[in-house]
């Protein structure tokens, strides 16, 4: 068996020291290199919106020590370019010259890094024209009430409309926005639900004045009642006397239980239009109901035809 040679600790120490010395010497030297930085833009006009195809990076030639170059590459700091002075090339396409922003770029580099040149002499920006408008919100729901219960008022949406802003071509396609789907079952009490506003999937650049809306409803138990109301004849020619078989009709109505005792004859007006019967050669009158309150949920009239006799 051959003897295994052992590496002495002093040799390893010498090797590590030599490597460190070489690294320090290398990092202390100055180099001229190209660094790539991600960019973002500030001071864009308020009526403009950056599009996806806008420049994402810039390449700059710098002079710095190896240490500072290494530090800059690890940090990968974003450079902010100012878009307050733009030149228009064509529709939605603008540009500015990097030579006008050298001092701005220098101030954002790490200390010890000297800017020599920006390799892109021109930066192009794709900017869409922003517009805004007010659009209605539409609920998207399936509500099933427990038997005998219904909403006592129209469902309330807060807000019922919002302002949308974004690229003109996208905004023009939006006439309204829906809320996320809501399903409720066996509802018998008031409810209030916060729902997200659904933005179309192809409208990523659209901004809204609100991202959510609250849908609320007042729910009450309803009951049925009935009342007799006198009939009024309208458009009866002068000199014509008319006798109806019924002087009153029965109105069967549905009303919230809390309002049941409030309902009386004054809530309804029942009239028959003689002219309508005459023009359609009818030998009966059709009773029409004019509601004088929104407390009544629904109703029906009995009978729905009124026989009459004419005395000349």
C-alpha atoms as a PDB file:
ATOM      1  CA  UNK A   1       0.000   0.000   0.000  1.00  0.00           C
ATOM      2  CA  UNK A   2       1.269   3.401  -0.985  1.00  0.00           C
ATOM      3  CA  UNK A   3       1.551   6.150   1.562  1.00  0.00           C
ATOM      4  CA  UNK A   4      -1.087   8.907   1.445  1.00  0.00           C
ATOM      5  CA  UNK A   5       0.438  12.327   1.145  1.00  0.00           C
ATOM      6  CA  UNK A   6      -0.955  14.900   3.522  1.00  0.00           C
ATOM      7  CA  UNK A   7      -1.340  18.544   2.508  1.00  0.00           C
ATOM      8  CA  UNK A   8       0.147  20.716   5.203  1.00  0.00           C
ATOM      9  CA  UNK A   9      -1.950  23.393   6.901  1.00  0.00           C
ATOM     10  CA  UNK A  10       0.692  25.978   6.096  1.00  0.00           C
ATOM     11  CA  UNK A  11       0.285  25.282   2.379  1.00  0.00           C
ATOM     12  CA  UNK A  12      -3.505  25.682   2.567  1.00  0.00           C
ATOM     13  CA  UNK A  13      -3.049  28.907   4.475  1.00  0.00           C
ATOM     14  CA  UNK A  14      -0.642  30.186   1.855  1.00  0.00           C
ATOM     15  CA  UNK A  15      -3.099  29.259  -0.940  1.00  0.00           C
ATOM     16  CA  UNK A  16      -6.015  31.057   0.726  1.00  0.00           C
ATOM     17  CA  UNK A  17      -3.882  34.126   1.429  1.00  0.00           C
ATOM     18  CA  UNK A  18      -2.648  34.213  -2.176  1.00  0.00           C
ATOM     19  CA  UNK A  19      -6.201  33.944  -3.494  1.00  0.00           C
ATOM     20  CA  UNK A  20      -7.411  36.719  -1.258  1.00  0.00           C
ATOM     21  CA  UNK A  21      -4.463  38.901  -2.281  1.00  0.00           C
ATOM     22  CA  UNK A  22      -5.193  38.275  -5.974  1.00  0.00           C
ATOM     23  CA  UNK A  23      -8.885  39.022  -5.430  1.00  0.00           C
ATOM     24  CA  UNK A  24      -8.144  42.272  -3.604  1.00  0.00           C
ATOM     25  CA  UNK A  25      -5.743  43.406  -6.323  1.00  0.00           C
ATOM     26  CA  UNK A  26      -8.265  42.505  -9.043  1.00  0.00           C
ATOM     27  CA  UNK A  27     -11.174  44.227  -7.344  1.00  0.00           C
ATOM     28  CA  UNK A  28      -9.138  47.351  -6.649  1.00  0.00           C
ATOM     29  CA  UNK A  29      -8.273  47.917 -10.324  1.00  0.00           C
ATOM     30  CA  UNK A  30     -10.417  50.170 -12.510  1.00  0.00           C
ATOM     31  CA  UNK A  31     -12.276  48.706 -15.455  1.00  0.00           C
ATOM     32  CA  UNK A  32     -14.423  50.042 -18.256  1.00  0.00           C
ATOM     33  CA  UNK A  33     -17.481  47.790 -18.615  1.00  0.00           C
ATOM     34  CA  UNK A  34     -21.066  47.839 -19.801  1.00  0.00           C
ATOM     35  CA  UNK A  35     -23.741  47.499 -17.152  1.00  0.00           C
ATOM     36  CA  UNK A  36     -27.425  46.820 -17.840  1.00  0.00           C
ATOM     37  CA  UNK A  37     -30.039  48.431 -15.617  1.00  0.00           C
ATOM     38  CA  UNK A  38     -33.826  47.979 -15.485  1.00  0.00           C
ATOM     39  CA  UNK A  39     -35.635  51.275 -16.012  1.00  0.00           C
ATOM     40  CA  UNK A  40     -38.873  52.885 -14.962  1.00  0.00           C
ATOM     41  CA  UNK A  41     -40.317  56.255 -15.910  1.00  0.00           C
ATOM     42  CA  UNK A  42     -41.509  59.210 -13.886  1.00  0.00           C
ATOM     43  CA  UNK A  43     -43.279  62.476 -14.719  1.00  0.00           C
ATOM     44  CA  UNK A  44     -45.330  60.893 -17.506  1.00  0.00           C
ATOM     45  CA  UNK A  45     -48.121  63.313 -18.571  1.00  0.00           C
ATOM     46  CA  UNK A  46     -51.322  62.611 -16.637  1.00  0.00           C
ATOM     47  CA  UNK A  47     -53.347  61.967 -19.780  1.00  0.00           C
ATOM     48  CA  UNK A  48     -50.918  59.259 -20.957  1.00  0.00           C
ATOM     49  CA  UNK A  49     -50.364  55.634 -19.954  1.00  0.00           C
ATOM     50  CA  UNK A  50     -47.242  53.551 -20.556  1.00  0.00           C
ATOM     51  CA  UNK A  51     -47.807  50.479 -22.724  1.00  0.00           C
ATOM     52  CA  UNK A  52     -46.095  47.091 -22.433  1.00  0.00           C
ATOM     53  CA  UNK A  53     -43.799  47.595 -25.417  1.00  0.00           C
ATOM     54  CA  UNK A  54     -41.961  50.513 -23.811  1.00  0.00           C
ATOM     55  CA  UNK A  55     -38.185  50.162 -23.210  1.00  0.00           C
ATOM     56  CA  UNK A  56     -37.496  47.989 -20.149  1.00  0.00           C
ATOM     57  CA  UNK A  57     -33.656  48.254 -19.856  1.00  0.00           C
ATOM     58  CA  UNK A  58     -30.739  50.495 -20.741  1.00  0.00           C
ATOM     59  CA  UNK A  59     -27.036  49.717 -21.227  1.00  0.00           C
ATOM     60  CA  UNK A  60     -24.471  52.130 -19.862  1.00  0.00           C
ATOM     61  CA  UNK A  61     -20.699  52.191 -20.239  1.00  0.00           C
ATOM     62  CA  UNK A  62     -19.059  52.952 -16.887  1.00  0.00           C
ATOM     63  CA  UNK A  63     -15.611  53.110 -15.348  1.00  0.00           C
ATOM     64  CA  UNK A  64     -15.215  51.809 -11.819  1.00  0.00           C
ATOM     65  CA  UNK A  65     -13.214  49.504  -9.616  1.00  0.00           C
ATOM     66  CA  UNK A  66     -13.901  45.801  -9.805  1.00  0.00           C
ATOM     67  CA  UNK A  67     -15.395  45.968  -6.330  1.00  0.00           C
ATOM     68  CA  UNK A  68     -17.901  48.697  -7.270  1.00  0.00           C
ATOM     69  CA  UNK A  69     -18.801  46.923 -10.500  1.00  0.00           C
ATOM     70  CA  UNK A  70     -19.453  43.700  -8.604  1.00  0.00           C
ATOM     71  CA  UNK A  71     -21.497  45.595  -6.007  1.00  0.00           C
ATOM     72  CA  UNK A  72     -23.576  47.279  -8.698  1.00  0.00           C
ATOM     73  CA  UNK A  73     -24.300  43.994 -10.477  1.00  0.00           C
ATOM     74  CA  UNK A  74     -25.482  42.339  -7.295  1.00  0.00           C
ATOM     75  CA  UNK A  75     -27.669  45.283  -6.391  1.00  0.00           C
ATOM     76  CA  UNK A  76     -29.198  45.655  -9.882  1.00  0.00           C
ATOM     77  CA  UNK A  77     -30.628  49.085  -9.023  1.00  0.00           C
ATOM     78  CA  UNK A  78     -33.451  50.455 -11.148  1.00  0.00           C
ATOM     79  CA  UNK A  79     -32.784  53.664 -13.060  1.00  0.00           C
ATOM     80  CA  UNK A  80     -35.653  56.147 -13.165  1.00  0.00           C
ATOM     81  CA  UNK A  81     -35.882  58.145 -16.382  1.00  0.00           C
ATOM     82  CA  UNK A  82     -37.906  61.350 -16.578  1.00  0.00           C
ATOM     83  CA  UNK A  83     -40.655  61.537 -19.154  1.00  0.00           C
ATOM     84  CA  UNK A  84     -41.710  65.133 -18.684  1.00  0.00           C
ATOM     85  CA  UNK A  85     -40.102  66.338 -21.951  1.00  0.00           C
ATOM     86  CA  UNK A  86     -41.175  64.099 -24.810  1.00  0.00           C
ATOM     87  CA  UNK A  87     -41.028  64.315 -28.570  1.00  0.00           C
ATOM     88  CA  UNK A  88     -43.779  62.726 -30.617  1.00  0.00           C
ATOM     89  CA  UNK A  89     -42.758  60.419 -33.456  1.00  0.00           C
ATOM     90  CA  UNK A  90     -46.175  59.082 -34.453  1.00  0.00           C
ATOM     91  CA  UNK A  91     -49.510  58.154 -32.898  1.00  0.00           C
ATOM     92  CA  UNK A  92     -48.902  56.772 -29.383  1.00  0.00           C
ATOM     93  CA  UNK A  93     -45.107  56.668 -29.930  1.00  0.00           C
ATOM     94  CA  UNK A  94     -42.831  59.202 -28.201  1.00  0.00           C
ATOM     95  CA  UNK A  95     -39.119  59.511 -27.511  1.00  0.00           C
ATOM     96  CA  UNK A  96     -36.451  61.468 -25.671  1.00  0.00           C
ATOM     97  CA  UNK A  97     -32.656  61.657 -26.017  1.00  0.00           C
ATOM     98  CA  UNK A  98     -30.543  60.103 -23.270  1.00  0.00           C
ATOM     99  CA  UNK A  99     -27.953  62.869 -23.579  1.00  0.00           C
ATOM    100  CA  UNK A 100     -30.518  65.149 -21.951  1.00  0.00           C
ATOM    101  CA  UNK A 101     -30.650  62.869 -18.902  1.00  0.00           C
ATOM    102  CA  UNK A 102     -26.975  62.163 -18.251  1.00  0.00           C
ATOM    103  CA  UNK A 103     -26.883  64.074 -14.977  1.00  0.00           C
ATOM    104  CA  UNK A 104     -30.084  62.344 -13.849  1.00  0.00           C
ATOM    105  CA  UNK A 105     -28.586  58.905 -14.595  1.00  0.00           C
ATOM    106  CA  UNK A 106     -25.222  59.793 -12.952  1.00  0.00           C
ATOM    107  CA  UNK A 107     -26.978  60.746  -9.725  1.00  0.00           C
ATOM    108  CA  UNK A 108     -28.572  57.314  -9.521  1.00  0.00           C
ATOM    109  CA  UNK A 109     -25.390  55.265  -9.964  1.00  0.00           C
ATOM    110  CA  UNK A 110     -23.591  53.942  -6.896  1.00  0.00           C
ATOM    111  CA  UNK A 111     -20.787  56.083  -5.555  1.00  0.00           C
ATOM    112  CA  UNK A 112     -17.477  55.246  -7.176  1.00  0.00           C
ATOM    113  CA  UNK A 113     -19.043  54.472 -10.560  1.00  0.00           C
ATOM    114  CA  UNK A 114     -18.332  56.989 -13.306  1.00  0.00           C
ATOM    115  CA  UNK A 115     -20.723  57.191 -16.240  1.00  0.00           C
ATOM    116  CA  UNK A 116     -18.991  57.306 -19.617  1.00  0.00           C
ATOM    117  CA  UNK A 117     -21.801  56.724 -22.083  1.00  0.00           C
ATOM    118  CA  UNK A 118     -25.394  55.546 -22.442  1.00  0.00           C
ATOM    119  CA  UNK A 119     -25.360  53.102 -25.340  1.00  0.00           C
ATOM    120  CA  UNK A 120     -28.949  53.836 -26.357  1.00  0.00           C
ATOM    121  CA  UNK A 121     -29.005  57.394 -27.614  1.00  0.00           C
ATOM    122  CA  UNK A 122     -32.810  57.410 -27.873  1.00  0.00           C
ATOM    123  CA  UNK A 123     -35.465  55.964 -25.578  1.00  0.00           C
ATOM    124  CA  UNK A 124     -38.838  55.198 -27.116  1.00  0.00           C
ATOM    125  CA  UNK A 125     -42.075  55.162 -25.141  1.00  0.00           C
ATOM    126  CA  UNK A 126     -45.402  53.719 -26.242  1.00  0.00           C
ATOM    127  CA  UNK A 127     -48.049  55.884 -24.616  1.00  0.00           C
ATOM    128  CA  UNK A 128     -51.788  55.384 -24.905  1.00  0.00           C
ATOM    129  CA  UNK A 129     -54.110  58.354 -24.573  1.00  0.00           C
ATOM    130  CA  UNK A 130     -56.071  58.118 -21.348  1.00  0.00           C
ATOM    131  CA  UNK A 131     -59.768  58.805 -21.158  1.00  0.00           C
ATOM    132  CA  UNK A 132     -62.429  58.235 -18.533  1.00  0.00           C
ATOM    133  CA  UNK A 133     -66.191  57.868 -18.236  1.00  0.00           C
ATOM    134  CA  UNK A 134     -68.871  56.863 -15.782  1.00  0.00           C
ATOM    135  CA  UNK A 135     -70.420  53.425 -16.206  1.00  0.00           C
ATOM    136  CA  UNK A 136     -73.232  51.617 -14.414  1.00  0.00           C
ATOM    137  CA  UNK A 137     -72.653  48.594 -12.192  1.00  0.00           C
ATOM    138  CA  UNK A 138     -74.857  45.564 -12.760  1.00  0.00           C
ATOM    139  CA  UNK A 139     -75.518  42.886 -10.119  1.00  0.00           C
ATOM    140  CA  UNK A 140     -75.056  39.268 -11.167  1.00  0.00           C
ATOM    141  CA  UNK A 141     -77.115  37.270  -8.735  1.00  0.00           C
ATOM    142  CA  UNK A 142     -79.483  34.420  -8.025  1.00  0.00           C
ATOM    143  CA  UNK A 143     -81.612  35.022  -4.930  1.00  0.00           C
ATOM    144  CA  UNK A 144     -84.218  32.592  -3.640  1.00  0.00           C
ATOM    145  CA  UNK A 145     -86.395  33.826  -0.806  1.00  0.00           C
ATOM    146  CA  UNK A 146     -87.965  31.643   1.830  1.00  0.00           C
ATOM    147  CA  UNK A 147     -91.660  31.061   1.138  1.00  0.00           C
ATOM    148  CA  UNK A 148     -93.670  34.124   2.165  1.00  0.00           C
ATOM    149  CA  UNK A 149     -90.675  36.488   2.103  1.00  0.00           C
ATOM    150  CA  UNK A 150     -89.568  39.006  -0.542  1.00  0.00           C
ATOM    151  CA  UNK A 151     -87.539  42.184  -0.804  1.00  0.00           C
ATOM    152  CA  UNK A 152     -89.595  45.091   0.499  1.00  0.00           C
ATOM    153  CA  UNK A 153     -87.627  47.631  -1.556  1.00  0.00           C
ATOM    154  CA  UNK A 154     -85.555  47.552  -4.719  1.00  0.00           C
ATOM    155  CA  UNK A 155     -82.116  46.084  -4.134  1.00  0.00           C
ATOM    156  CA  UNK A 156     -79.584  48.837  -3.411  1.00  0.00           C
ATOM    157  CA  UNK A 157     -76.116  49.011  -4.948  1.00  0.00           C
ATOM    158  CA  UNK A 158     -73.498  51.311  -3.369  1.00  0.00           C
ATOM    159  CA  UNK A 159     -72.028  52.768  -5.497  1.00  0.00           C
ATOM    160  CA  UNK A 160     -74.358  52.101  -8.420  1.00  0.00           C
ATOM    161  CA  UNK A 161     -71.816  53.446 -10.909  1.00  0.00           C
ATOM    162  CA  UNK A 162     -68.076  54.121 -11.028  1.00  0.00           C
ATOM    163  CA  UNK A 163     -65.570  56.062 -13.117  1.00  0.00           C
ATOM    164  CA  UNK A 164     -63.315  53.942 -15.323  1.00  0.00           C
ATOM    165  CA  UNK A 165     -60.140  55.324 -16.884  1.00  0.00           C
ATOM    166  CA  UNK A 166     -57.573  53.877 -19.217  1.00  0.00           C
ATOM    167  CA  UNK A 167     -56.594  53.655 -22.892  1.00  0.00           C
ATOM    168  CA  UNK A 168     -59.268  55.186 -25.076  1.00  0.00           C
ATOM    169  CA  UNK A 169     -59.701  52.097 -27.267  1.00  0.00           C
ATOM    170  CA  UNK A 170     -60.429  49.937 -24.194  1.00  0.00           C
ATOM    171  CA  UNK A 171     -62.689  52.429 -22.429  1.00  0.00           C
ATOM    172  CA  UNK A 172     -64.879  52.836 -25.518  1.00  0.00           C
ATOM    173  CA  UNK A 173     -65.742  49.121 -25.379  1.00  0.00           C
ATOM    174  CA  UNK A 174     -67.130  49.328 -21.836  1.00  0.00           C
ATOM    175  CA  UNK A 175     -70.783  50.322 -21.367  1.00  0.00           C
ATOM    176  CA  UNK A 176     -71.239  48.761 -17.922  1.00  0.00           C
ATOM    177  CA  UNK A 177     -69.468  46.480 -15.465  1.00  0.00           C
ATOM    178  CA  UNK A 178     -70.818  43.429 -13.668  1.00  0.00           C
ATOM    179  CA  UNK A 179     -70.268  42.390 -10.089  1.00  0.00           C
ATOM    180  CA  UNK A 180     -69.007  38.966  -9.136  1.00  0.00           C
ATOM    181  CA  UNK A 181     -71.734  36.323  -9.019  1.00  0.00           C
ATOM    182  CA  UNK A 182     -73.775  36.124  -5.816  1.00  0.00           C
ATOM    183  CA  UNK A 183     -76.065  33.239  -4.904  1.00  0.00           C
ATOM    184  CA  UNK A 184     -78.336  33.380  -1.843  1.00  0.00           C
ATOM    185  CA  UNK A 185     -80.925  30.796  -0.778  1.00  0.00           C
ATOM    186  CA  UNK A 186     -83.751  30.719   1.782  1.00  0.00           C
ATOM    187  CA  UNK A 187     -83.401  34.450   2.396  1.00  0.00           C
ATOM    188  CA  UNK A 188     -85.720  35.790   5.097  1.00  0.00           C
ATOM    189  CA  UNK A 189     -83.789  38.745   6.565  1.00  0.00           C
ATOM    190  CA  UNK A 190     -82.014  41.886   5.417  1.00  0.00           C
ATOM    191  CA  UNK A 191     -78.639  41.312   3.798  1.00  0.00           C
ATOM    192  CA  UNK A 192     -75.549  43.279   2.748  1.00  0.00           C
ATOM    193  CA  UNK A 193     -72.752  41.782   0.665  1.00  0.00           C
ATOM    194  CA  UNK A 194     -69.469  43.336  -0.493  1.00  0.00           C
ATOM    195  CA  UNK A 195     -68.758  42.210  -4.049  1.00  0.00           C
ATOM    196  CA  UNK A 196     -65.819  42.682  -6.391  1.00  0.00           C
ATOM    197  CA  UNK A 197     -66.283  44.588  -9.619  1.00  0.00           C
ATOM    198  CA  UNK A 198     -65.352  42.367 -12.561  1.00  0.00           C
ATOM    199  CA  UNK A 199     -62.975  43.999 -15.031  1.00  0.00           C
ATOM    200  CA  UNK A 200     -62.862  42.423 -18.517  1.00  0.00           C
ATOM    201  CA  UNK A 201     -59.869  40.114 -18.925  1.00  0.00           C
ATOM    202  CA  UNK A 202     -58.492  42.025 -21.921  1.00  0.00           C
ATOM    203  CA  UNK A 203     -58.506  45.351 -20.056  1.00  0.00           C
ATOM    204  CA  UNK A 204     -55.441  45.110 -17.819  1.00  0.00           C
ATOM    205  CA  UNK A 205     -54.638  48.824 -18.095  1.00  0.00           C
ATOM    206  CA  UNK A 206     -58.043  49.997 -16.893  1.00  0.00           C
ATOM    207  CA  UNK A 207     -58.317  51.731 -13.536  1.00  0.00           C
ATOM    208  CA  UNK A 208     -61.535  52.148 -11.563  1.00  0.00           C
ATOM    209  CA  UNK A 209     -62.619  54.650  -8.930  1.00  0.00           C
ATOM    210  CA  UNK A 210     -63.685  51.694  -6.788  1.00  0.00           C
ATOM    211  CA  UNK A 211     -62.872  47.975  -6.838  1.00  0.00           C
ATOM    212  CA  UNK A 212     -65.870  46.809  -4.816  1.00  0.00           C
ATOM    213  CA  UNK A 213     -69.540  47.593  -4.335  1.00  0.00           C
ATOM    214  CA  UNK A 214     -72.055  46.706  -1.642  1.00  0.00           C
ATOM    215  CA  UNK A 215     -75.311  45.024  -2.623  1.00  0.00           C
ATOM    216  CA  UNK A 216     -77.961  45.257   0.071  1.00  0.00           C
ATOM    217  CA  UNK A 217     -81.595  44.315   0.356  1.00  0.00           C
ATOM    218  CA  UNK A 218     -84.420  44.792   2.846  1.00  0.00           C
ATOM    219  CA  UNK A 219     -86.399  41.589   3.261  1.00  0.00           C
ATOM    220  CA  UNK A 220     -89.826  41.240   4.835  1.00  0.00           C
ATOM    221  CA  UNK A 221     -92.589  38.708   5.247  1.00  0.00           C
ATOM    222  CA  UNK A 222     -95.482  39.423   2.892  1.00  0.00           C
ATOM    223  CA  UNK A 223     -99.141  38.666   3.278  1.00  0.00           C
ATOM    224  CA  UNK A 224    -102.276  38.934   1.172  1.00  0.00           C
ATOM    225  CA  UNK A 225    -105.164  41.292   1.775  1.00  0.00           C
ATOM    226  CA  UNK A 226    -108.246  42.438  -0.106  1.00  0.00           C
ATOM    227  CA  UNK A 227    -110.333  45.579  -0.282  1.00  0.00           C
ATOM    228  CA  UNK A 228    -113.327  46.852  -2.255  1.00  0.00           C
ATOM    229  CA  UNK A 229    -112.828  50.051  -4.234  1.00  0.00           C
ATOM    230  CA  UNK A 230    -115.483  52.059  -6.178  1.00  0.00           C
ATOM    231  CA  UNK A 231    -115.261  52.238  -9.969  1.00  0.00           C
ATOM    232  CA  UNK A 232    -114.844  55.576 -11.759  1.00  0.00           C
ATOM    233  CA  UNK A 233    -115.989  55.901 -15.401  1.00  0.00           C
ATOM    234  CA  UNK A 234    -113.930  58.207 -17.627  1.00  0.00           C
ATOM    235  CA  UNK A 235    -114.375  59.529 -21.176  1.00  0.00           C
ATOM    236  CA  UNK A 236    -118.135  59.075 -21.063  1.00  0.00           C
ATOM    237  CA  UNK A 237    -119.754  61.218 -23.818  1.00  0.00           C
ATOM    238  CA  UNK A 238    -122.002  64.055 -22.736  1.00  0.00           C
ATOM    239  CA  UNK A 239    -125.637  63.010 -22.566  1.00  0.00           C
ATOM    240  CA  UNK A 240    -124.844  59.294 -22.251  1.00  0.00           C
ATOM    241  CA  UNK A 241    -125.910  57.559 -19.062  1.00  0.00           C
ATOM    242  CA  UNK A 242    -124.300  54.272 -18.142  1.00  0.00           C
ATOM    243  CA  UNK A 243    -125.087  51.719 -15.464  1.00  0.00           C
ATOM    244  CA  UNK A 244    -122.509  49.102 -14.469  1.00  0.00           C
ATOM    245  CA  UNK A 245    -123.376  45.728 -13.040  1.00  0.00           C
ATOM    246  CA  UNK A 246    -120.679  46.244 -10.411  1.00  0.00           C
ATOM    247  CA  UNK A 247    -120.266  49.474  -8.525  1.00  0.00           C
ATOM    248  CA  UNK A 248    -117.070  48.271  -6.897  1.00  0.00           C
ATOM    249  CA  UNK A 249    -114.310  45.803  -7.611  1.00  0.00           C
ATOM    250  CA  UNK A 250    -112.313  43.700  -5.202  1.00  0.00           C
ATOM    251  CA  UNK A 251    -108.559  44.239  -5.224  1.00  0.00           C
ATOM    252  CA  UNK A 252    -106.517  41.367  -3.851  1.00  0.00           C
ATOM    253  CA  UNK A 253    -103.076  42.683  -2.994  1.00  0.00           C
ATOM    254  CA  UNK A 254     -99.782  41.546  -1.513  1.00  0.00           C
ATOM    255  CA  UNK A 255     -98.117  43.802   1.059  1.00  0.00           C
ATOM    256  CA  UNK A 256     -95.391  43.617   3.661  1.00  0.00           C
ATOM    257  CA  UNK A 257     -96.662  42.423   7.017  1.00  0.00           C
ATOM    258  CA  UNK A 258     -95.434  45.598   8.737  1.00  0.00           C
ATOM    259  CA  UNK A 259     -97.569  47.734   6.390  1.00  0.00           C
ATOM    260  CA  UNK A 260    -100.706  45.575   6.340  1.00  0.00           C
ATOM    261  CA  UNK A 261    -102.708  47.819   8.687  1.00  0.00           C
ATOM    262  CA  UNK A 262    -101.847  50.935   6.670  1.00  0.00           C
ATOM    263  CA  UNK A 263    -103.691  49.865   3.515  1.00  0.00           C
ATOM    264  CA  UNK A 264    -107.105  51.388   2.831  1.00  0.00           C
ATOM    265  CA  UNK A 265    -109.253  52.469  -0.110  1.00  0.00           C
ATOM    266  CA  UNK A 266    -107.221  55.653  -0.660  1.00  0.00           C
ATOM    267  CA  UNK A 267    -104.252  53.582  -1.858  1.00  0.00           C
ATOM    268  CA  UNK A 268    -106.080  52.706  -5.090  1.00  0.00           C
ATOM    269  CA  UNK A 269    -107.923  54.409  -7.900  1.00  0.00           C
ATOM    270  CA  UNK A 270    -109.995  52.148 -10.151  1.00  0.00           C
ATOM    271  CA  UNK A 271    -111.332  53.534 -13.421  1.00  0.00           C
ATOM    272  CA  UNK A 272    -112.895  52.233 -16.641  1.00  0.00           C
ATOM    273  CA  UNK A 273    -112.305  54.028 -19.933  1.00  0.00           C
ATOM    274  CA  UNK A 274    -115.560  54.047 -21.916  1.00  0.00           C
ATOM    275  CA  UNK A 275    -113.757  55.337 -25.023  1.00  0.00           C
ATOM    276  CA  UNK A 276    -111.501  52.279 -25.017  1.00  0.00           C
ATOM    277  CA  UNK A 277    -114.506  49.941 -24.967  1.00  0.00           C
ATOM    278  CA  UNK A 278    -116.256  51.931 -27.709  1.00  0.00           C
ATOM    279  CA  UNK A 279    -113.210  51.998 -30.024  1.00  0.00           C
ATOM    280  CA  UNK A 280    -112.743  48.226 -29.671  1.00  0.00           C
ATOM    281  CA  UNK A 281    -116.479  47.353 -29.908  1.00  0.00           C
ATOM    282  CA  UNK A 282    -116.480  45.811 -26.458  1.00  0.00           C
ATOM    283  CA  UNK A 283    -119.705  45.174 -24.587  1.00  0.00           C
ATOM    284  CA  UNK A 284    -117.879  45.396 -21.281  1.00  0.00           C
ATOM    285  CA  UNK A 285    -115.481  47.748 -19.522  1.00  0.00           C
ATOM    286  CA  UNK A 286    -111.928  46.955 -18.435  1.00  0.00           C
ATOM    287  CA  UNK A 287    -111.069  48.123 -14.921  1.00  0.00           C
ATOM    288  CA  UNK A 288    -107.651  49.734 -14.568  1.00  0.00           C
ATOM    289  CA  UNK A 289    -105.889  50.315 -11.268  1.00  0.00           C
ATOM    290  CA  UNK A 290    -103.761  53.322 -10.435  1.00  0.00           C
ATOM    291  CA  UNK A 291    -101.626  52.665  -7.370  1.00  0.00           C
ATOM    292  CA  UNK A 292    -101.067  55.635  -5.071  1.00  0.00           C
ATOM    293  CA  UNK A 293     -98.403  53.938  -2.960  1.00  0.00           C
ATOM    294  CA  UNK A 294     -95.329  51.808  -3.556  1.00  0.00           C
ATOM    295  CA  UNK A 295     -96.120  49.660  -0.521  1.00  0.00           C
ATOM    296  CA  UNK A 296     -98.205  47.327  -2.675  1.00  0.00           C
ATOM    297  CA  UNK A 297     -96.020  44.528  -4.051  1.00  0.00           C
ATOM    298  CA  UNK A 298     -98.593  43.096  -6.499  1.00  0.00           C
ATOM    299  CA  UNK A 299    -102.352  42.962  -7.005  1.00  0.00           C
ATOM    300  CA  UNK A 300    -105.187  41.557  -9.082  1.00  0.00           C
ATOM    301  CA  UNK A 301    -108.701  42.879  -9.790  1.00  0.00           C
ATOM    302  CA  UNK A 302    -111.917  40.875  -9.397  1.00  0.00           C
ATOM    303  CA  UNK A 303    -113.825  40.870 -11.666  1.00  0.00           C
ATOM    304  CA  UNK A 304    -111.554  41.879 -14.543  1.00  0.00           C
ATOM    305  CA  UNK A 305    -114.503  42.736 -16.810  1.00  0.00           C
ATOM    306  CA  UNK A 306    -117.423  45.026 -15.946  1.00  0.00           C
ATOM    307  CA  UNK A 307    -120.761  44.591 -17.753  1.00  0.00           C
ATOM    308  CA  UNK A 308    -122.744  47.765 -18.415  1.00  0.00           C
ATOM    309  CA  UNK A 309    -125.972  49.120 -19.811  1.00  0.00           C
ATOM    310  CA  UNK A 310    -126.394  52.428 -21.676  1.00  0.00           C
ATOM    311  CA  UNK A 311    -129.437  54.653 -21.171  1.00  0.00           C
ATOM    312  CA  UNK A 312    -130.062  57.153 -23.945  1.00  0.00           C
END
